[in-house]
Amino acid sequence: MSKKKKTTKKRNPARSGNQPHSSATPKISQCMIVKNEEQNIERALSWGKDIVYEQIVVDTGSTDKTVEIAEKMGAKIFHFKWIDDFSAAKNYAIDQATGDWIAFLDADEFFAPEDTERLKAHVKRISADPKLKMKHKVIGCSLYNVGEDGETSSVVDQARIFQNRKEIRYVGRIHEAIAVYTYDVLWVKDIKIIHNSSLEIRAALGKAERNIKLIRAELAENPQNLDLKGYLAEALIGAQKAEYIEEGESLFAELIAKETLGKASKELTRRAFNYTILKHVENAQERERCKELCIRAMNFFPDWLDFEYFYVIILNRMGEHEQALKLAMQCEQKLAGEQYKANSEIVSARPYLLFAQSLIAAQELRDVEAVIKYATYILTADKTNMGVLGPYISTLSNKGATIDELIQTLGSIYNLDDPKDLLTIARAAKDYGAVSLAQKIVEMAGERMGRT
């Protein structure tokens, strides 16, 4: 390992045992490794100011103002020469921590203020009970990937808070993870990590070649390791280069083949299924294959809702609408249950996508009540969806609703004092033949505009 230079005082020699020191109020060390994170470092350090005992920042070669900003914010700065090994850098950061617990988030991740207090309460509760302390060495929670528009694109489970114990360290040169048993982790539902995924996506494109090089080096040492093949598949596909795609997809296919299914990590296996199904779900020639993959994925991941959602799409595409609606409703019921909330990347973040498939099935089955139900769900999430609003108005009209009843119903979704909302309704009503409703709504819009 390379020589590391510390810029803060040495650790307390009393912290040399396997167990963290006992304290009425357990101390949390916030740790991170960084490189050129001047856009994120202030927020990354801000969330923990009120609850953490210390903030450890290990810089791996920044050339911007990352270190300067972190120093001004009171963080303890250490330097680690990059050796193409994320675990080595993260473990070095852990070695500098003197708290009882460690919260290890990246520079583009943070906790909301209300969640920091809940985190503190969980740590205190576990630390106060010797049995819980031995049982739950790690706290896991959901990580929400959030884009530039503020919308959540996916939700995944992450274990980032753990006791400061010598046996808990990261493993893996890349795609590193803490080496603990599953039963050591206490999964909590009331805190979440917010991850700015839009910044990571842009940065990942520039790091793809580096990641491919690192994984190939590991794979050369262990050529039968399916996990490494899965990571290489992701890196190759993520590089967005045509010459890499075929190799990446071939590696993913190896992970989900019948003869190797279950031999790679469940998370990598899930992502391989996810990519392969989404890649071909719209291709009519691949529909039977996708159907078979969905069935295999649902059997292997019985609680993962996204595969049920994918299967609903395929059933709708194949004209099996009754089965599609039945499965979609079952998925909807599971989604409402708290125990399933994190068992999805897509459906839990954007449930209206599931409702859109339910709406398609209901329309094909001429199930008026279901059409109204799911159209209402979708329009509540996106009231500018003209492809749903028009049929929604038409369905209500055909069901016998009067103009006044239509306006009252639409008023539960739209602001009838807002001319913009009214004109949206009028345009959809006109396009779908509800001319009288359109005229009435235009009159209402004119009255509202006359007031301003």
Protein backbone atom coordinates (compact mmCIF):
# COMPACT_ATOMS: atom_id res chain seq x y z
CA MET A 1 0.00 0.00 0.00
CA SER A 2 1.20 3.49 -0.69
CA LYS A 3 2.45 5.82 1.96
CA LYS A 4 -0.28 8.02 3.42
CA LYS A 5 0.16 11.45 4.83
CA LYS A 6 -2.11 12.65 7.60
CA THR A 7 -2.70 16.33 8.16
CA THR A 8 -4.43 16.10 11.53
CA LYS A 9 -3.41 14.87 14.93
CA LYS A 10 -2.81 11.17 15.55
CA ARG A 11 -5.51 8.86 16.79
CA ASN A 12 -6.00 8.23 20.47
CA PRO A 13 -3.88 5.15 21.35
CA ALA A 14 -6.64 4.05 23.73
CA ARG A 15 -8.74 3.15 20.65
CA SER A 16 -6.74 0.02 19.88
CA GLY A 17 -9.20 -2.68 20.98
CA ASN A 18 -11.78 -4.56 18.94
CA GLN A 19 -14.74 -2.90 20.63
CA PRO A 20 -15.64 0.80 20.52
CA HIS A 21 -15.56 2.56 23.84
CA SER A 22 -18.84 2.64 25.79
CA SER A 23 -20.61 5.92 26.25
CA ALA A 24 -24.01 7.06 27.46
CA THR A 25 -24.37 8.94 24.20
CA PRO A 26 -22.73 6.95 21.39
CA LYS A 27 -20.47 8.97 19.14
CA ILE A 28 -20.91 8.89 15.37
CA SER A 29 -18.00 9.46 13.00
CA GLN A 30 -18.97 10.64 9.54
CA CYS A 31 -16.51 9.31 6.95
CA MET A 32 -16.06 9.86 3.23
CA ILE A 33 -13.47 9.61 0.50
CA VAL A 34 -13.40 12.44 -2.04
CA LYS A 35 -11.80 13.70 -5.19
CA ASN A 36 -12.78 16.99 -6.85
CA GLU A 37 -16.10 17.33 -5.03
CA GLU A 38 -16.21 21.11 -4.56
CA GLN A 39 -19.82 21.15 -5.85
CA ASN A 40 -20.98 18.67 -3.23
CA ILE A 41 -18.68 18.82 -0.22
CA GLU A 42 -20.47 21.59 1.67
CA ARG A 43 -23.83 19.82 1.61
CA ALA A 44 -22.13 16.48 2.25
CA LEU A 45 -20.68 17.83 5.50
CA SER A 46 -23.66 19.97 6.50
CA TRP A 47 -26.15 17.17 7.20
CA GLY A 48 -24.08 15.69 10.02
CA LYS A 49 -23.03 18.85 11.84
CA ASP A 50 -25.62 18.52 14.62
CA ILE A 51 -25.31 14.80 15.30
CA VAL A 52 -21.81 13.55 14.49
CA TYR A 53 -18.80 13.56 16.77
CA GLU A 54 -16.27 14.11 13.99
CA GLN A 55 -16.10 14.33 10.21
CA ILE A 56 -13.34 12.39 8.46
CA VAL A 57 -12.55 13.42 4.88
CA VAL A 58 -9.95 11.38 3.00
CA ASP A 59 -8.85 13.09 -0.18
CA THR A 60 -7.50 10.92 -2.99
CA GLY A 61 -6.01 13.64 -5.17
CA SER A 62 -8.33 16.64 -5.58
CA THR A 63 -7.18 19.49 -7.80
CA ASP A 64 -10.11 21.80 -7.02
CA LYS A 65 -11.23 23.47 -3.76
CA THR A 66 -12.63 20.33 -2.11
CA VAL A 67 -10.00 20.16 0.65
CA GLU A 68 -10.09 23.92 1.28
CA ILE A 69 -13.86 23.91 1.74
CA ALA A 70 -13.80 20.83 3.97
CA GLU A 71 -11.10 22.36 6.17
CA LYS A 72 -13.11 25.57 6.59
CA MET A 73 -16.09 23.47 7.68
CA GLY A 74 -14.04 21.84 10.42
CA ALA A 75 -13.54 18.39 8.94
CA LYS A 76 -10.46 16.33 9.74
CA ILE A 77 -8.53 16.03 6.49
CA PHE A 78 -6.37 13.05 5.54
CA HIS A 79 -4.63 12.25 2.28
CA PHE A 80 -4.45 8.87 0.58
CA LYS A 81 -2.56 8.25 -2.65
CA TRP A 82 -4.94 6.58 -5.07
CA ILE A 83 -3.96 2.95 -5.79
CA ASP A 84 -6.95 1.85 -7.89
CA ASP A 85 -8.73 0.39 -4.85
CA PHE A 86 -11.86 1.94 -3.36
CA SER A 87 -11.91 -0.39 -0.37
CA ALA A 88 -8.33 0.52 0.56
CA ALA A 89 -9.22 4.22 0.58
CA LYS A 90 -12.44 3.70 2.54
CA ASN A 91 -10.79 1.41 5.07
CA TYR A 92 -8.08 4.01 5.58
CA ALA A 93 -10.84 6.51 6.38
CA ILE A 94 -12.39 4.09 8.87
CA ASP A 95 -8.98 3.65 10.52
CA GLN A 96 -8.96 7.37 11.35
CA ALA A 97 -12.40 7.35 13.01
CA THR A 98 -12.62 7.46 16.80
CA GLY A 99 -16.41 7.30 17.23
CA ASP A 100 -18.49 4.32 18.32
CA TRP A 101 -20.39 4.24 15.03
CA ILE A 102 -19.52 5.22 11.47
CA ALA A 103 -21.79 6.77 8.85
CA PHE A 104 -20.10 6.33 5.47
CA LEU A 105 -21.81 8.36 2.75
CA ASP A 106 -20.38 9.59 -0.53
CA ALA A 107 -19.99 13.29 -1.28
CA ASP A 108 -23.15 13.33 -3.44
CA GLU A 109 -25.28 11.72 -0.71
CA PHE A 110 -26.91 13.12 2.41
CA PHE A 111 -29.60 12.63 5.04
CA ALA A 112 -32.55 15.00 5.37
CA PRO A 113 -32.61 16.91 8.70
CA GLU A 114 -35.51 14.91 10.12
CA ASP A 115 -33.73 11.66 9.30
CA THR A 116 -30.55 12.60 11.13
CA GLU A 117 -32.46 12.68 14.42
CA ARG A 118 -34.00 9.30 13.67
CA LEU A 119 -30.56 7.93 12.85
CA LYS A 120 -29.24 9.22 16.15
CA ALA A 121 -32.16 7.57 17.98
CA HIS A 122 -31.53 4.18 16.30
CA VAL A 123 -27.83 4.30 17.20
CA LYS A 124 -28.61 5.25 20.80
CA ARG A 125 -31.23 2.51 21.18
CA ILE A 126 -28.94 -0.23 19.84
CA SER A 127 -25.92 0.95 21.84
CA ALA A 128 -27.88 1.02 25.09
CA ASP A 129 -28.87 -2.66 24.86
CA PRO A 130 -25.96 -5.16 24.95
CA LYS A 131 -28.00 -7.84 23.14
CA LEU A 132 -29.04 -5.47 20.35
CA LYS A 133 -25.47 -4.18 20.11
CA MET A 134 -24.14 -7.67 19.48
CA LYS A 135 -26.98 -8.57 17.12
CA HIS A 136 -27.14 -5.42 15.00
CA LYS A 137 -23.66 -4.26 14.06
CA VAL A 138 -24.97 -2.49 10.97
CA ILE A 139 -27.96 -0.27 10.18
CA GLY A 140 -29.36 -0.45 6.67
CA CYS A 141 -31.81 1.91 5.01
CA SER A 142 -33.16 2.94 1.61
CA LEU A 143 -31.18 5.09 -0.81
CA TYR A 144 -33.25 7.30 -3.10
CA ASN A 145 -31.65 8.18 -6.44
CA VAL A 146 -32.87 11.69 -7.28
CA GLY A 147 -32.36 13.45 -10.61
CA GLU A 148 -31.97 17.11 -11.51
CA ASP A 149 -35.75 17.53 -11.63
CA GLY A 150 -36.07 16.42 -8.02
CA GLU A 151 -37.89 13.24 -9.05
CA THR A 152 -36.88 9.90 -7.54
CA SER A 153 -35.76 7.54 -10.28
CA SER A 154 -35.12 4.47 -8.14
CA VAL A 155 -34.89 3.17 -4.57
CA VAL A 156 -32.30 0.63 -3.39
CA ASP A 157 -31.18 -0.79 -0.05
CA GLN A 158 -27.82 0.28 1.35
CA ALA A 159 -25.88 -0.56 4.52
CA ARG A 160 -23.85 2.55 5.34
CA ILE A 161 -24.05 2.94 9.13
CA PHE A 162 -22.07 0.48 11.23
CA GLN A 163 -20.27 0.01 14.52
CA ASN A 164 -16.61 0.97 14.60
CA ARG A 165 -15.24 -2.54 14.93
CA LYS A 166 -12.01 -3.91 13.46
CA GLU A 167 -13.79 -6.77 11.71
CA ILE A 168 -16.08 -4.43 9.75
CA ARG A 169 -14.21 -3.26 6.69
CA TYR A 170 -14.86 -2.77 2.98
CA VAL A 171 -13.91 -5.42 0.43
CA GLY A 172 -13.58 -5.21 -3.34
CA ARG A 173 -11.31 -3.02 -5.41
CA ILE A 174 -14.41 -1.52 -7.05
CA HIS A 175 -18.13 -1.84 -6.21
CA GLU A 176 -16.91 -2.16 -2.67
CA ALA A 177 -19.17 -3.27 0.19
CA ILE A 178 -18.74 -3.82 3.89
CA ALA A 179 -18.04 -7.46 4.72
CA VAL A 180 -20.76 -8.42 7.20
CA TYR A 181 -23.32 -11.17 7.44
CA THR A 182 -26.87 -10.34 6.37
CA TYR A 183 -28.20 -11.12 9.83
CA ASP A 184 -25.93 -8.43 11.33
CA VAL A 185 -27.92 -5.72 9.55
CA LEU A 186 -30.96 -3.99 11.06
CA TRP A 187 -33.02 -2.60 8.18
CA VAL A 188 -34.96 0.51 9.15
CA LYS A 189 -37.73 2.15 7.13
CA ASP A 190 -37.88 5.61 8.69
CA ILE A 191 -34.59 7.04 7.37
CA LYS A 192 -33.32 7.38 3.83
CA ILE A 193 -30.19 8.50 2.03
CA ILE A 194 -30.72 11.04 -0.75
CA HIS A 195 -28.36 10.49 -3.68
CA ASN A 196 -27.88 13.08 -6.43
CA SER A 197 -27.84 10.55 -9.24
CA SER A 198 -27.72 13.12 -12.06
CA LEU A 199 -24.22 14.19 -11.06
CA GLU A 200 -23.06 10.60 -10.73
CA ILE A 201 -24.35 9.67 -14.18
CA ARG A 202 -22.32 12.46 -15.80
CA ALA A 203 -19.25 11.60 -13.75
CA ALA A 204 -19.58 7.87 -14.44
CA LEU A 205 -19.20 8.38 -18.17
CA GLY A 206 -15.77 9.87 -17.57
CA LYS A 207 -14.75 7.06 -15.19
CA ALA A 208 -15.96 4.12 -17.25
CA GLU A 209 -12.58 3.23 -18.76
CA ARG A 210 -10.93 3.38 -15.34
CA ASN A 211 -13.59 1.07 -13.87
CA ILE A 212 -13.31 -1.40 -16.75
CA LYS A 213 -9.55 -1.54 -16.24
CA LEU A 214 -9.90 -2.16 -12.49
CA ILE A 215 -12.48 -4.92 -12.90
CA ARG A 216 -10.57 -6.65 -15.69
CA ALA A 217 -7.53 -6.74 -13.40
CA GLU A 218 -9.54 -8.40 -10.64
CA LEU A 219 -11.19 -10.79 -13.08
CA ALA A 220 -7.79 -11.87 -14.41
CA GLU A 221 -6.94 -13.02 -10.88
CA ASN A 222 -10.29 -14.78 -10.43
CA PRO A 223 -11.70 -15.59 -13.90
CA GLN A 224 -14.66 -17.68 -12.64
CA ASN A 225 -16.02 -15.01 -10.31
CA LEU A 226 -19.55 -14.26 -11.50
CA ASP A 227 -19.82 -11.13 -9.37
CA LEU A 228 -16.84 -9.63 -11.15
CA LYS A 229 -18.39 -10.57 -14.48
CA GLY A 230 -21.55 -8.76 -13.45
CA TYR A 231 -19.64 -5.65 -12.44
CA LEU A 232 -17.72 -5.73 -15.71
CA ALA A 233 -21.01 -6.06 -17.62
CA GLU A 234 -22.33 -2.93 -15.91
CA ALA A 235 -19.14 -0.99 -16.60
CA LEU A 236 -19.06 -2.02 -20.26
CA ILE A 237 -22.71 -1.15 -20.86
CA GLY A 238 -22.41 2.04 -18.83
CA ALA A 239 -19.51 3.22 -20.99
CA GLN A 240 -22.06 3.74 -23.80
CA LYS A 241 -19.69 2.51 -26.49
CA ALA A 242 -21.02 0.23 -29.21
CA GLU A 243 -17.96 -2.02 -29.12
CA TYR A 244 -18.59 -2.83 -25.43
CA ILE A 245 -22.33 -3.55 -25.49
CA GLU A 246 -22.22 -7.10 -26.87
CA GLU A 247 -19.62 -8.23 -24.34
CA GLY A 248 -21.54 -6.62 -21.48
CA GLU A 249 -24.84 -8.23 -22.46
CA SER A 250 -23.15 -11.60 -22.87
CA LEU A 251 -21.78 -11.37 -19.33
CA PHE A 252 -25.20 -10.43 -17.96
CA ALA A 253 -26.71 -13.40 -19.81
CA GLU A 254 -24.23 -15.66 -18.01
CA LEU A 255 -25.45 -14.42 -14.63
CA ILE A 256 -29.11 -15.22 -15.33
CA ALA A 257 -28.66 -18.47 -17.27
CA LYS A 258 -30.51 -21.42 -15.72
CA GLU A 259 -27.31 -23.31 -14.96
CA THR A 260 -25.64 -20.37 -13.14
CA LEU A 261 -28.67 -18.64 -11.59
CA GLY A 262 -28.04 -18.03 -7.91
CA LYS A 263 -24.27 -18.29 -8.10
CA ALA A 264 -23.73 -14.52 -8.35
CA SER A 265 -24.84 -12.02 -5.72
CA LYS A 266 -28.59 -11.46 -5.63
CA GLU A 267 -28.20 -7.74 -6.28
CA LEU A 268 -26.11 -8.27 -9.42
CA THR A 269 -28.45 -11.03 -10.57
CA ARG A 270 -31.41 -8.71 -10.11
CA ARG A 271 -29.73 -5.96 -12.10
CA ALA A 272 -28.86 -8.41 -14.88
CA PHE A 273 -32.50 -9.51 -15.13
CA ASN A 274 -33.60 -5.87 -14.96
CA TYR A 275 -31.36 -4.74 -17.81
CA THR A 276 -32.08 -7.72 -20.06
CA ILE A 277 -35.85 -7.53 -19.69
CA LEU A 278 -36.01 -3.76 -20.22
CA LYS A 279 -33.71 -4.05 -23.22
CA HIS A 280 -36.15 -6.32 -25.06
CA VAL A 281 -39.59 -5.72 -23.56
CA GLU A 282 -40.72 -3.50 -26.45
CA ASN A 283 -39.38 -5.88 -29.10
CA ALA A 284 -42.25 -8.07 -30.32
CA GLN A 285 -39.80 -10.72 -31.52
CA GLU A 286 -38.29 -11.01 -28.01
CA ARG A 287 -41.60 -11.02 -26.13
CA GLU A 288 -41.74 -14.76 -25.41
CA ARG A 289 -38.15 -14.65 -24.17
CA CYS A 290 -38.97 -11.66 -21.93
CA LYS A 291 -42.00 -13.46 -20.59
CA GLU A 292 -39.87 -16.46 -19.66
CA LEU A 293 -37.24 -14.20 -18.07
CA CYS A 294 -39.90 -12.39 -16.03
CA ILE A 295 -41.31 -15.67 -14.72
CA ARG A 296 -37.82 -16.83 -13.78
CA ALA A 297 -37.04 -13.48 -12.12
CA MET A 298 -40.32 -13.45 -10.17
CA ASN A 299 -39.62 -16.97 -8.90
CA PHE A 300 -36.09 -16.02 -7.86
CA PHE A 301 -37.16 -12.63 -6.41
CA PRO A 302 -40.72 -13.27 -5.17
CA ASP A 303 -40.90 -9.98 -3.26
CA TRP A 304 -39.36 -7.72 -5.90
CA LEU A 305 -42.20 -5.67 -7.38
CA ASP A 306 -40.46 -4.40 -10.51
CA PHE A 307 -40.46 -7.85 -12.10
CA GLU A 308 -44.21 -8.10 -11.56
CA TYR A 309 -44.55 -4.70 -13.21
CA PHE A 310 -42.45 -5.84 -16.19
CA TYR A 311 -44.62 -8.94 -16.49
CA VAL A 312 -47.76 -6.77 -16.53
CA ILE A 313 -46.27 -4.82 -19.46
CA ILE A 314 -45.58 -8.02 -21.37
CA LEU A 315 -49.05 -9.43 -20.66
CA ASN A 316 -50.62 -6.23 -21.97
CA ARG A 317 -48.42 -6.33 -25.07
CA MET A 318 -49.50 -9.93 -25.68
CA GLY A 319 -53.19 -9.09 -25.28
CA GLU A 320 -53.60 -10.97 -21.99
CA HIS A 321 -55.31 -8.00 -20.34
CA GLU A 322 -57.36 -9.83 -17.73
CA GLN A 323 -54.26 -11.49 -16.29
CA ALA A 324 -52.37 -8.20 -16.57
CA LEU A 325 -54.98 -6.28 -14.56
CA LYS A 326 -55.17 -8.99 -11.92
CA LEU A 327 -51.39 -9.04 -11.44
CA ALA A 328 -51.20 -5.23 -11.46
CA MET A 329 -53.80 -5.05 -8.69
CA GLN A 330 -51.85 -7.59 -6.64
CA CYS A 331 -48.69 -5.55 -7.16
CA GLU A 332 -50.57 -2.40 -6.14
CA GLN A 333 -51.68 -4.03 -2.88
CA LYS A 334 -48.11 -5.09 -2.11
CA LEU A 335 -46.86 -1.60 -2.90
CA ALA A 336 -49.22 -0.23 -0.26
CA GLY A 337 -47.66 -2.53 2.34
CA GLU A 338 -44.70 -1.03 4.19
CA GLN A 339 -42.69 -4.27 4.02
CA TYR A 340 -42.49 -4.01 0.23
CA LYS A 341 -41.60 -0.34 -0.04
CA ALA A 342 -37.89 -0.78 -0.75
CA ASN A 343 -38.31 -3.96 -2.80
CA SER A 344 -38.35 -2.01 -6.03
CA GLU A 345 -36.38 0.59 -7.92
CA ILE A 346 -38.99 1.68 -10.43
CA VAL A 347 -42.49 1.02 -9.07
CA SER A 348 -41.89 2.41 -5.58
CA ALA A 349 -40.40 5.60 -7.03
CA ARG A 350 -42.98 6.03 -9.82
CA PRO A 351 -46.15 4.06 -9.02
CA TYR A 352 -48.04 5.90 -11.77
CA LEU A 353 -46.17 3.69 -14.27
CA LEU A 354 -47.91 0.66 -12.79
CA PHE A 355 -51.23 2.51 -12.82
CA ALA A 356 -50.70 3.31 -16.52
CA GLN A 357 -50.48 -0.42 -17.26
CA SER A 358 -53.58 -1.03 -15.15
CA LEU A 359 -55.36 1.65 -17.14
CA ILE A 360 -54.38 0.02 -20.45
CA ALA A 361 -55.76 -3.32 -19.29
CA ALA A 362 -58.94 -1.75 -17.88
CA GLN A 363 -59.60 0.11 -21.14
CA GLU A 364 -59.18 -3.06 -23.19
CA LEU A 365 -61.50 -4.94 -20.81
CA ARG A 366 -64.02 -2.03 -20.86
CA ASP A 367 -63.94 -1.96 -17.07
CA VAL A 368 -65.29 1.56 -16.56
CA GLU A 369 -64.79 1.71 -12.79
CA ALA A 370 -61.18 0.60 -13.10
CA VAL A 371 -60.55 3.09 -15.92
CA ILE A 372 -61.82 5.94 -13.75
CA LYS A 373 -59.82 4.73 -10.75
CA TYR A 374 -56.48 4.45 -12.51
CA ALA A 375 -56.92 7.54 -14.66
CA THR A 376 -57.53 9.48 -11.45
CA TYR A 377 -54.31 8.10 -9.93
CA ILE A 378 -52.29 9.03 -13.00
CA LEU A 379 -53.74 12.52 -13.39
CA THR A 380 -53.17 13.24 -9.72
CA ALA A 381 -49.46 12.56 -10.36
CA ASP A 382 -49.36 14.33 -13.74
CA LYS A 383 -52.37 16.48 -14.57
CA THR A 384 -50.87 17.50 -17.94
CA ASN A 385 -51.13 13.93 -19.27
CA MET A 386 -53.47 14.59 -22.19
CA GLY A 387 -53.37 10.96 -23.28
CA VAL A 388 -55.14 10.06 -20.04
CA LEU A 389 -57.23 13.20 -19.44
CA GLY A 390 -59.15 12.98 -22.72
CA PRO A 391 -60.21 9.32 -22.34
CA TYR A 392 -60.96 10.04 -18.67
CA ILE A 393 -63.44 12.77 -19.61
CA SER A 394 -64.91 10.59 -22.36
CA THR A 395 -65.37 7.65 -19.97
CA LEU A 396 -67.09 9.80 -17.36
CA SER A 397 -69.35 11.30 -20.05
CA ASN A 398 -70.27 7.89 -21.44
CA LYS A 399 -71.06 6.75 -17.91
CA GLY A 400 -73.75 9.45 -17.81
CA ALA A 401 -72.05 12.20 -15.81
CA THR A 402 -73.55 15.67 -16.32
CA ILE A 403 -71.39 18.70 -17.09
CA ASP A 404 -71.68 19.88 -13.50
CA GLU A 405 -70.72 16.42 -12.22
CA LEU A 406 -67.76 16.32 -14.60
CA ILE A 407 -66.57 19.72 -13.38
CA GLN A 408 -66.94 18.65 -9.75
CA THR A 409 -64.97 15.46 -10.37
CA LEU A 410 -62.22 17.26 -12.28
CA GLY A 411 -62.05 19.81 -9.48
CA SER A 412 -60.64 17.10 -7.18
CA ILE A 413 -57.58 16.96 -9.45
CA TYR A 414 -57.34 20.41 -11.06
CA ASN A 415 -57.42 23.94 -9.65
CA LEU A 416 -60.59 25.35 -11.15
CA ASP A 417 -59.49 28.89 -10.23
CA ASP A 418 -56.38 28.54 -12.40
CA PRO A 419 -57.03 29.49 -16.06
CA LYS A 420 -54.09 27.31 -17.14
CA ASP A 421 -55.66 24.20 -15.58
CA LEU A 422 -59.03 25.09 -17.06
CA LEU A 423 -57.63 25.46 -20.57
CA THR A 424 -55.90 22.09 -20.22
CA ILE A 425 -59.27 20.51 -19.42
CA ALA A 426 -61.01 22.39 -22.25
CA ARG A 427 -58.46 21.26 -24.83
CA ALA A 428 -58.76 17.60 -23.78
CA ALA A 429 -62.58 17.79 -23.67
CA LYS A 430 -62.74 19.24 -27.20
CA ASP A 431 -60.32 16.66 -28.61
CA TYR A 432 -62.43 13.82 -27.23
CA GLY A 433 -65.83 15.14 -28.33
CA ALA A 434 -67.06 16.64 -25.04
CA VAL A 435 -67.81 19.96 -26.79
CA SER A 436 -70.36 21.26 -24.27
CA LEU A 437 -67.94 20.66 -21.41
CA ALA A 438 -65.17 22.39 -23.35
CA GLN A 439 -67.37 25.46 -23.94
CA LYS A 440 -68.33 25.65 -20.26
CA ILE A 441 -64.70 25.34 -19.14
CA VAL A 442 -63.58 28.06 -21.58
CA GLU A 443 -66.25 30.38 -20.13
CA MET A 444 -64.95 29.65 -16.63
CA ALA A 445 -61.39 30.38 -17.76
CA GLY A 446 -62.49 33.71 -19.24
CA GLU A 447 -64.16 34.67 -15.96
CA ARG A 448 -61.00 33.81 -14.00
CA MET A 449 -58.81 35.80 -16.36
CA GLY A 450 -61.19 38.72 -16.13
CA ARG A 451 -60.67 38.88 -12.38
CA THR A 452 -56.90 39.33 -12.69
